[in-house]
């Protein structure tokens, strides 16, 4: 499980940094911040214990909400 956390953490971190560097779409800054936040949520080194009282289940739910909210950010503002 920790290996999956490390893989997701590096993918989200590098995707967030690459998106911050290029800024190809209108909501790229917000999406980049979400990806970097997701990298922090999935990093196993930071979350071995329960810092600030946040459990593993709560982190999983927040990560899913962040991933599922990405299409809303990419909708064109009318």
PDB file of N, CA and C in Angstrom:
ATOM      1  N   UNK A   1       0.820  -1.191   0.000  1.00  0.00           N
ATOM      2  CA  UNK A   1       0.000   0.000   0.000  1.00  0.00           C
ATOM      3  C   UNK A   1       0.866   1.257   0.000  1.00  0.00           C
ATOM      4  N   UNK A   2       2.004   1.186   0.713  1.00  0.00           N
ATOM      5  CA  UNK A   2       2.885   2.346   0.738  1.00  0.00           C
ATOM      6  C   UNK A   2       3.485   2.606  -0.636  1.00  0.00           C
ATOM      7  N   UNK A   3       3.761   1.533  -1.387  1.00  0.00           N
ATOM      8  CA  UNK A   3       4.318   1.703  -2.730  1.00  0.00           C
ATOM      9  C   UNK A   3       3.311   2.427  -3.627  1.00  0.00           C
ATOM     10  N   UNK A   4       2.049   2.078  -3.515  1.00  0.00           N
ATOM     11  CA  UNK A   4       1.010   2.763  -4.287  1.00  0.00           C
ATOM     12  C   UNK A   4       0.925   4.238  -3.882  1.00  0.00           C
ATOM     13  N   UNK A   5       1.065   4.521  -2.593  1.00  0.00           N
ATOM     14  CA  UNK A   5       1.061   5.904  -2.126  1.00  0.00           C
ATOM     15  C   UNK A   5       2.236   6.692  -2.688  1.00  0.00           C
ATOM     16  N   UNK A   6       3.422   6.077  -2.714  1.00  0.00           N
ATOM     17  CA  UNK A   6       4.590   6.759  -3.271  1.00  0.00           C
ATOM     18  C   UNK A   6       4.413   7.030  -4.756  1.00  0.00           C
ATOM     19  N   UNK A   7       3.894   6.041  -5.483  1.00  0.00           N
ATOM     20  CA  UNK A   7       3.693   6.216  -6.930  1.00  0.00           C
ATOM     21  C   UNK A   7       2.708   7.343  -7.200  1.00  0.00           C
ATOM     22  N   UNK A   8       1.572   7.333  -6.514  1.00  0.00           N
ATOM     23  CA  UNK A   8       0.568   8.391  -6.704  1.00  0.00           C
ATOM     24  C   UNK A   8       1.110   9.753  -6.284  1.00  0.00           C
ATOM     25  N   UNK A   9       1.898   9.767  -5.224  1.00  0.00           N
ATOM     26  CA  UNK A   9       2.456  11.030  -4.760  1.00  0.00           C
ATOM     27  C   UNK A   9       3.396  11.641  -5.797  1.00  0.00           C
ATOM     28  N   UNK A  10       4.278  10.827  -6.360  1.00  0.00           N
ATOM     29  CA  UNK A  10       5.204  11.353  -7.366  1.00  0.00           C
ATOM     30  C   UNK A  10       4.488  11.755  -8.648  1.00  0.00           C
ATOM     31  N   UNK A  11       3.491  10.976  -9.057  1.00  0.00           N
ATOM     32  CA  UNK A  11       2.732  11.326 -10.264  1.00  0.00           C
ATOM     33  C   UNK A  11       2.021  12.664 -10.073  1.00  0.00           C
ATOM     34  N   UNK A  12       1.348  12.825  -8.944  1.00  0.00           N
ATOM     35  CA  UNK A  12       0.614  14.065  -8.691  1.00  0.00           C
ATOM     36  C   UNK A  12       1.564  15.253  -8.547  1.00  0.00           C
ATOM     37  N   UNK A  13       2.698  15.045  -7.877  1.00  0.00           N
ATOM     38  CA  UNK A  13       3.644  16.140  -7.698  1.00  0.00           C
ATOM     39  C   UNK A  13       4.223  16.589  -9.033  1.00  0.00           C
ATOM     40  N   UNK A  14       4.690  15.640  -9.839  1.00  0.00           N
ATOM     41  CA  UNK A  14       5.290  16.007 -11.120  1.00  0.00           C
ATOM     42  C   UNK A  14       4.255  16.571 -12.089  1.00  0.00           C
ATOM     43  N   UNK A  15       3.029  16.052 -12.048  1.00  0.00           N
ATOM     44  CA  UNK A  15       1.984  16.605 -12.914  1.00  0.00           C
ATOM     45  C   UNK A  15       1.638  18.029 -12.490  1.00  0.00           C
ATOM     46  N   UNK A  16       1.564  18.279 -11.186  1.00  0.00           N
ATOM     47  CA  UNK A  16       1.285  19.624 -10.703  1.00  0.00           C
ATOM     48  C   UNK A  16       2.382  20.609 -11.054  1.00  0.00           C
ATOM     49  N   UNK A  17       3.627  20.175 -10.915  1.00  0.00           N
ATOM     50  CA  UNK A  17       4.743  21.051 -11.260  1.00  0.00           C
ATOM     51  C   UNK A  17       4.812  21.322 -12.763  1.00  0.00           C
ATOM     52  N   UNK A  18       4.554  20.286 -13.578  1.00  0.00           N
ATOM     53  CA  UNK A  18       4.566  20.468 -15.031  1.00  0.00           C
ATOM     54  C   UNK A  18       3.429  21.388 -15.466  1.00  0.00           C
ATOM     55  N   UNK A  19       2.270  21.224 -14.855  1.00  0.00           N
ATOM     56  CA  UNK A  19       1.133  22.079 -15.198  1.00  0.00           C
ATOM     57  C   UNK A  19       1.389  23.513 -14.770  1.00  0.00           C
ATOM     58  N   UNK A  20       2.046  23.701 -13.643  1.00  0.00           N
ATOM     59  CA  UNK A  20       2.373  25.053 -13.184  1.00  0.00           C
ATOM     60  C   UNK A  20       3.390  25.712 -14.119  1.00  0.00           C
ATOM     61  N   UNK A  21       4.282  24.902 -14.698  1.00  0.00           N
ATOM     62  CA  UNK A  21       5.301  25.435 -15.589  1.00  0.00           C
ATOM     63  C   UNK A  21       4.705  25.857 -16.937  1.00  0.00           C
ATOM     64  N   UNK A  22       3.771  25.054 -17.484  1.00  0.00           N
ATOM     65  CA  UNK A  22       3.251  25.304 -18.830  1.00  0.00           C
ATOM     66  C   UNK A  22       2.019  26.200 -18.844  1.00  0.00           C
ATOM     67  N   UNK A  23       1.073  26.003 -17.918  1.00  0.00           N
ATOM     68  CA  UNK A  23      -0.199  26.729 -17.859  1.00  0.00           C
ATOM     69  C   UNK A  23      -0.964  26.698 -19.193  1.00  0.00           C
ATOM     70  N   UNK A  24      -1.296  25.489 -19.691  1.00  0.00           N
ATOM     71  CA  UNK A  24      -1.943  25.395 -20.998  1.00  0.00           C
ATOM     72  C   UNK A  24      -3.422  25.770 -21.025  1.00  0.00           C
ATOM     73  N   UNK A  25      -4.154  25.616 -19.933  1.00  0.00           N
ATOM     74  CA  UNK A  25      -5.597  25.894 -19.914  1.00  0.00           C
ATOM     75  C   UNK A  25      -5.890  26.988 -18.891  1.00  0.00           C
ATOM     76  N   UNK A  26      -7.105  27.480 -18.927  1.00  0.00           N
ATOM     77  CA  UNK A  26      -7.482  28.586 -18.056  1.00  0.00           C
ATOM     78  C   UNK A  26      -7.415  28.280 -16.575  1.00  0.00           C
ATOM     79  N   UNK A  27      -7.838  27.098 -16.158  1.00  0.00           N
ATOM     80  CA  UNK A  27      -7.835  26.747 -14.733  1.00  0.00           C
ATOM     81  C   UNK A  27      -6.587  25.998 -14.321  1.00  0.00           C
ATOM     82  N   UNK A  28      -5.483  26.194 -15.032  1.00  0.00           N
ATOM     83  CA  UNK A  28      -4.269  25.422 -14.777  1.00  0.00           C
ATOM     84  C   UNK A  28      -3.677  25.712 -13.401  1.00  0.00           C
ATOM     85  N   UNK A  29      -3.772  26.932 -12.933  1.00  0.00           N
ATOM     86  CA  UNK A  29      -3.206  27.258 -11.621  1.00  0.00           C
ATOM     87  C   UNK A  29      -3.957  26.532 -10.513  1.00  0.00           C
ATOM     88  N   UNK A  30      -5.272  26.513 -10.591  1.00  0.00           N
ATOM     89  CA  UNK A  30      -6.080  25.820  -9.591  1.00  0.00           C
ATOM     90  C   UNK A  30      -5.859  24.318  -9.669  1.00  0.00           C
ATOM     91  N   UNK A  31      -5.825  23.788 -10.874  1.00  0.00           N
ATOM     92  CA  UNK A  31      -5.591  22.366 -11.062  1.00  0.00           C
ATOM     93  C   UNK A  31      -4.206  21.976 -10.558  1.00  0.00           C
ATOM     94  N   UNK A  32      -3.234  22.832 -10.789  1.00  0.00           N
ATOM     95  CA  UNK A  32      -1.880  22.581 -10.302  1.00  0.00           C
ATOM     96  C   UNK A  32      -1.851  22.544  -8.775  1.00  0.00           C
ATOM     97  N   UNK A  33      -2.555  23.463  -8.140  1.00  0.00           N
ATOM     98  CA  UNK A  33      -2.621  23.467  -6.670  1.00  0.00           C
ATOM     99  C   UNK A  33      -3.297  22.213  -6.143  1.00  0.00           C
ATOM    100  N   UNK A  34      -4.348  21.755  -6.823  1.00  0.00           N
ATOM    101  CA  UNK A  34      -5.024  20.524  -6.408  1.00  0.00           C
ATOM    102  C   UNK A  34      -4.105  19.317  -6.535  1.00  0.00           C
ATOM    103  N   UNK A  35      -3.331  19.254  -7.609  1.00  0.00           N
ATOM    104  CA  UNK A  35      -2.422  18.128  -7.790  1.00  0.00           C
ATOM    105  C   UNK A  35      -1.309  18.130  -6.744  1.00  0.00           C
ATOM    106  N   UNK A  36      -0.795  19.291  -6.410  1.00  0.00           N
ATOM    107  CA  UNK A  36       0.236  19.355  -5.378  1.00  0.00           C
ATOM    108  C   UNK A  36      -0.367  18.995  -4.015  1.00  0.00           C
ATOM    109  N   UNK A  37      -1.599  19.405  -3.758  1.00  0.00           N
ATOM    110  CA  UNK A  37      -2.288  18.993  -2.536  1.00  0.00           C
ATOM    111  C   UNK A  37      -2.531  17.505  -2.497  1.00  0.00           C
ATOM    112  N   UNK A  38      -2.866  16.920  -3.642  1.00  0.00           N
ATOM    113  CA  UNK A  38      -3.046  15.476  -3.726  1.00  0.00           C
ATOM    114  C   UNK A  38      -1.732  14.762  -3.458  1.00  0.00           C
ATOM    115  N   UNK A  39      -0.624  15.335  -3.922  1.00  0.00           N
ATOM    116  CA  UNK A  39       0.690  14.742  -3.649  1.00  0.00           C
ATOM    117  C   UNK A  39       0.962  14.715  -2.145  1.00  0.00           C
ATOM    118  N   UNK A  40       0.563  15.763  -1.451  1.00  0.00           N
ATOM    119  CA  UNK A  40       0.739  15.779   0.004  1.00  0.00           C
ATOM    120  C   UNK A  40      -0.172  14.781   0.698  1.00  0.00           C
ATOM    121  N   UNK A  41      -1.380  14.614   0.176  1.00  0.00           N
ATOM    122  CA  UNK A  41      -2.314  13.672   0.792  1.00  0.00           C
ATOM    123  C   UNK A  41      -1.882  12.226   0.620  1.00  0.00           C
ATOM    124  N   UNK A  42      -1.176  11.913  -0.467  1.00  0.00           N
ATOM    125  CA  UNK A  42      -0.823  10.527  -0.740  1.00  0.00           C
ATOM    126  C   UNK A  42       0.590  10.169  -0.321  1.00  0.00           C
ATOM    127  N   UNK A  43       1.363  11.107   0.183  1.00  0.00           N
ATOM    128  CA  UNK A  43       2.746  10.834   0.559  1.00  0.00           C
ATOM    129  C   UNK A  43       2.793   9.998   1.844  1.00  0.00           C
ATOM    130  N   UNK A  44       3.262   8.751   1.765  1.00  0.00           N
ATOM    131  CA  UNK A  44       3.266   7.883   2.955  1.00  0.00           C
ATOM    132  C   UNK A  44       4.224   8.354   4.051  1.00  0.00           C
ATOM    133  N   UNK A  45       5.282   9.037   3.675  1.00  0.00           N
ATOM    134  CA  UNK A  45       6.250   9.486   4.674  1.00  0.00           C
ATOM    135  C   UNK A  45       5.620  10.505   5.633  1.00  0.00           C
ATOM    136  N   UNK A  46       4.755  11.355   5.132  1.00  0.00           N
ATOM    137  CA  UNK A  46       4.130  12.373   5.962  1.00  0.00           C
ATOM    138  C   UNK A  46       2.996  11.840   6.819  1.00  0.00           C
ATOM    139  N   UNK A  47       2.409  10.722   6.427  1.00  0.00           N
ATOM    140  CA  UNK A  47       1.181  10.266   7.059  1.00  0.00           C
ATOM    141  C   UNK A  47       1.313   8.903   7.726  1.00  0.00           C
ATOM    142  N   UNK A  48       2.485   8.571   8.279  1.00  0.00           N
ATOM    143  CA  UNK A  48       2.626   7.285   8.968  1.00  0.00           C
ATOM    144  C   UNK A  48       1.745   7.228  10.207  1.00  0.00           C
ATOM    145  N   UNK A  49       1.743   8.275  10.956  1.00  0.00           N
ATOM    146  CA  UNK A  49       0.881   8.363  12.140  1.00  0.00           C
ATOM    147  C   UNK A  49      -0.351   9.182  11.770  1.00  0.00           C
ATOM    148  N   UNK A  50      -1.091   9.641  12.738  1.00  0.00           N
ATOM    149  CA  UNK A  50      -2.268  10.469  12.500  1.00  0.00           C
ATOM    150  C   UNK A  50      -1.961  11.915  12.864  1.00  0.00           C
ATOM    151  N   UNK A  51      -1.262  12.662  12.000  1.00  0.00           N
ATOM    152  CA  UNK A  51      -1.019  14.061  12.348  1.00  0.00           C
ATOM    153  C   UNK A  51      -2.305  14.870  12.230  1.00  0.00           C
ATOM    154  N   UNK A  52      -2.501  15.747  13.134  1.00  0.00           N
ATOM    155  CA  UNK A  52      -3.675  16.631  13.167  1.00  0.00           C
ATOM    156  C   UNK A  52      -4.989  15.865  13.231  1.00  0.00           C
ATOM    157  N   UNK A  53      -4.949  14.609  13.629  1.00  0.00           N
ATOM    158  CA  UNK A  53      -6.158  13.810  13.768  1.00  0.00           C
ATOM    159  C   UNK A  53      -6.810  13.404  12.460  1.00  0.00           C
ATOM    160  N   UNK A  54      -6.068  13.416  11.367  1.00  0.00           N
ATOM    161  CA  UNK A  54      -6.626  13.042  10.069  1.00  0.00           C
ATOM    162  C   UNK A  54      -6.333  11.568   9.811  1.00  0.00           C
ATOM    163  N   UNK A  55      -7.381  10.779   9.672  1.00  0.00           N
ATOM    164  CA  UNK A  55      -7.192   9.347   9.470  1.00  0.00           C
ATOM    165  C   UNK A  55      -6.985   9.019   7.994  1.00  0.00           C
ATOM    166  N   UNK A  56      -6.647   7.774   7.734  1.00  0.00           N
ATOM    167  CA  UNK A  56      -6.413   7.342   6.361  1.00  0.00           C
ATOM    168  C   UNK A  56      -7.705   7.419   5.539  1.00  0.00           C
ATOM    169  N   UNK A  57      -8.817   7.058   6.126  1.00  0.00           N
ATOM    170  CA  UNK A  57     -10.096   7.120   5.419  1.00  0.00           C
ATOM    171  C   UNK A  57     -10.466   8.542   5.012  1.00  0.00           C
ATOM    172  N   UNK A  58     -10.216   9.490   5.897  1.00  0.00           N
ATOM    173  CA  UNK A  58     -10.501  10.887   5.571  1.00  0.00           C
ATOM    174  C   UNK A  58      -9.608  11.392   4.444  1.00  0.00           C
ATOM    175  N   UNK A  59      -8.344  10.965   4.444  1.00  0.00           N
ATOM    176  CA  UNK A  59      -7.450  11.365   3.357  1.00  0.00           C
ATOM    177  C   UNK A  59      -7.889  10.769   2.035  1.00  0.00           C
ATOM    178  N   UNK A  60      -8.354   9.528   2.047  1.00  0.00           N
ATOM    179  CA  UNK A  60      -8.821   8.877   0.821  1.00  0.00           C
ATOM    180  C   UNK A  60     -10.037   9.607   0.264  1.00  0.00           C
ATOM    181  N   UNK A  61     -10.968   9.970   1.127  1.00  0.00           N
ATOM    182  CA  UNK A  61     -12.169  10.688   0.681  1.00  0.00           C
ATOM    183  C   UNK A  61     -11.802  12.052   0.094  1.00  0.00           C
ATOM    184  N   UNK A  62     -10.901  12.771   0.740  1.00  0.00           N
ATOM    185  CA  UNK A  62     -10.487  14.085   0.227  1.00  0.00           C
ATOM    186  C   UNK A  62      -9.784  13.929  -1.117  1.00  0.00           C
ATOM    187  N   UNK A  63      -8.943  12.910  -1.252  1.00  0.00           N
ATOM    188  CA  UNK A  63      -8.251  12.682  -2.524  1.00  0.00           C
ATOM    189  C   UNK A  63      -9.249  12.357  -3.628  1.00  0.00           C
ATOM    190  N   UNK A  64     -10.248  11.542  -3.340  1.00  0.00           N
ATOM    191  CA  UNK A  64     -11.272  11.229  -4.349  1.00  0.00           C
ATOM    192  C   UNK A  64     -12.077  12.463  -4.737  1.00  0.00           C
ATOM    193  N   UNK A  65     -12.417  13.296  -3.763  1.00  0.00           N
ATOM    194  CA  UNK A  65     -13.145  14.525  -4.068  1.00  0.00           C
ATOM    195  C   UNK A  65     -12.305  15.433  -4.956  1.00  0.00           C
ATOM    196  N   UNK A  66     -11.013  15.530  -4.663  1.00  0.00           N
ATOM    197  CA  UNK A  66     -10.145  16.374  -5.485  1.00  0.00           C
ATOM    198  C   UNK A  66     -10.036  15.837  -6.910  1.00  0.00           C
ATOM    199  N   UNK A  67      -9.909  14.527  -7.050  1.00  0.00           N
ATOM    200  CA  UNK A  67      -9.797  13.931  -8.388  1.00  0.00           C
ATOM    201  C   UNK A  67     -11.100  14.104  -9.165  1.00  0.00           C
ATOM    202  N   UNK A  68     -12.234  13.892  -8.503  1.00  0.00           N
ATOM    203  CA  UNK A  68     -13.520  13.977  -9.196  1.00  0.00           C
ATOM    204  C   UNK A  68     -13.951  15.417  -9.476  1.00  0.00           C
ATOM    205  N   UNK A  69     -13.343  16.403  -8.823  1.00  0.00           N
ATOM    206  CA  UNK A  69     -13.701  17.798  -9.088  1.00  0.00           C
ATOM    207  C   UNK A  69     -12.909  18.398 -10.248  1.00  0.00           C
ATOM    208  N   UNK A  70     -11.961  17.681 -10.784  1.00  0.00           N
ATOM    209  CA  UNK A  70     -11.153  18.202 -11.891  1.00  0.00           C
ATOM    210  C   UNK A  70     -12.002  18.557 -13.127  1.00  0.00           C
ATOM    211  N   UNK A  71     -12.970  17.724 -13.546  1.00  0.00           N
ATOM    212  CA  UNK A  71     -13.782  18.117 -14.703  1.00  0.00           C
ATOM    213  C   UNK A  71     -14.541  19.429 -14.505  1.00  0.00           C
ATOM    214  N   UNK A  72     -14.943  19.735 -13.277  1.00  0.00           N
ATOM    215  CA  UNK A  72     -15.629  20.999 -13.017  1.00  0.00           C
ATOM    216  C   UNK A  72     -14.693  22.188 -13.237  1.00  0.00           C
ATOM    217  N   UNK A  73     -13.416  22.001 -12.928  1.00  0.00           N
ATOM    218  CA  UNK A  73     -12.463  23.086 -13.134  1.00  0.00           C
ATOM    219  C   UNK A  73     -12.173  23.339 -14.606  1.00  0.00           C
ATOM    220  N   UNK A  74     -12.303  22.293 -15.410  1.00  0.00           N
ATOM    221  CA  UNK A  74     -11.975  22.418 -16.824  1.00  0.00           C
ATOM    222  C   UNK A  74     -13.138  22.889 -17.687  1.00  0.00           C
ATOM    223  N   UNK A  75     -14.326  23.028 -17.091  1.00  0.00           N
ATOM    224  CA  UNK A  75     -15.468  23.551 -17.837  1.00  0.00           C
ATOM    225  C   UNK A  75     -15.226  25.009 -18.182  1.00  0.00           C
ATOM    226  N   UNK A  76     -15.593  25.409 -19.393  1.00  0.00           N
ATOM    227  CA  UNK A  76     -15.387  26.812 -19.745  1.00  0.00           C
ATOM    228  C   UNK A  76     -16.324  27.726 -18.946  1.00  0.00           C
ATOM    229  N   UNK A  77     -15.798  28.818 -18.495  1.00  0.00           N
ATOM    230  CA  UNK A  77     -16.614  29.790 -17.763  1.00  0.00           C
ATOM    231  C   UNK A  77     -17.440  30.596 -18.757  1.00  0.00           C
ATOM    232  N   UNK A  78     -18.741  30.572 -18.554  1.00  0.00           N
ATOM    233  CA  UNK A  78     -19.616  31.264 -19.501  1.00  0.00           C
ATOM    234  C   UNK A  78     -19.994  32.629 -19.005  1.00  0.00           C
TER     235      UNK A  78
END
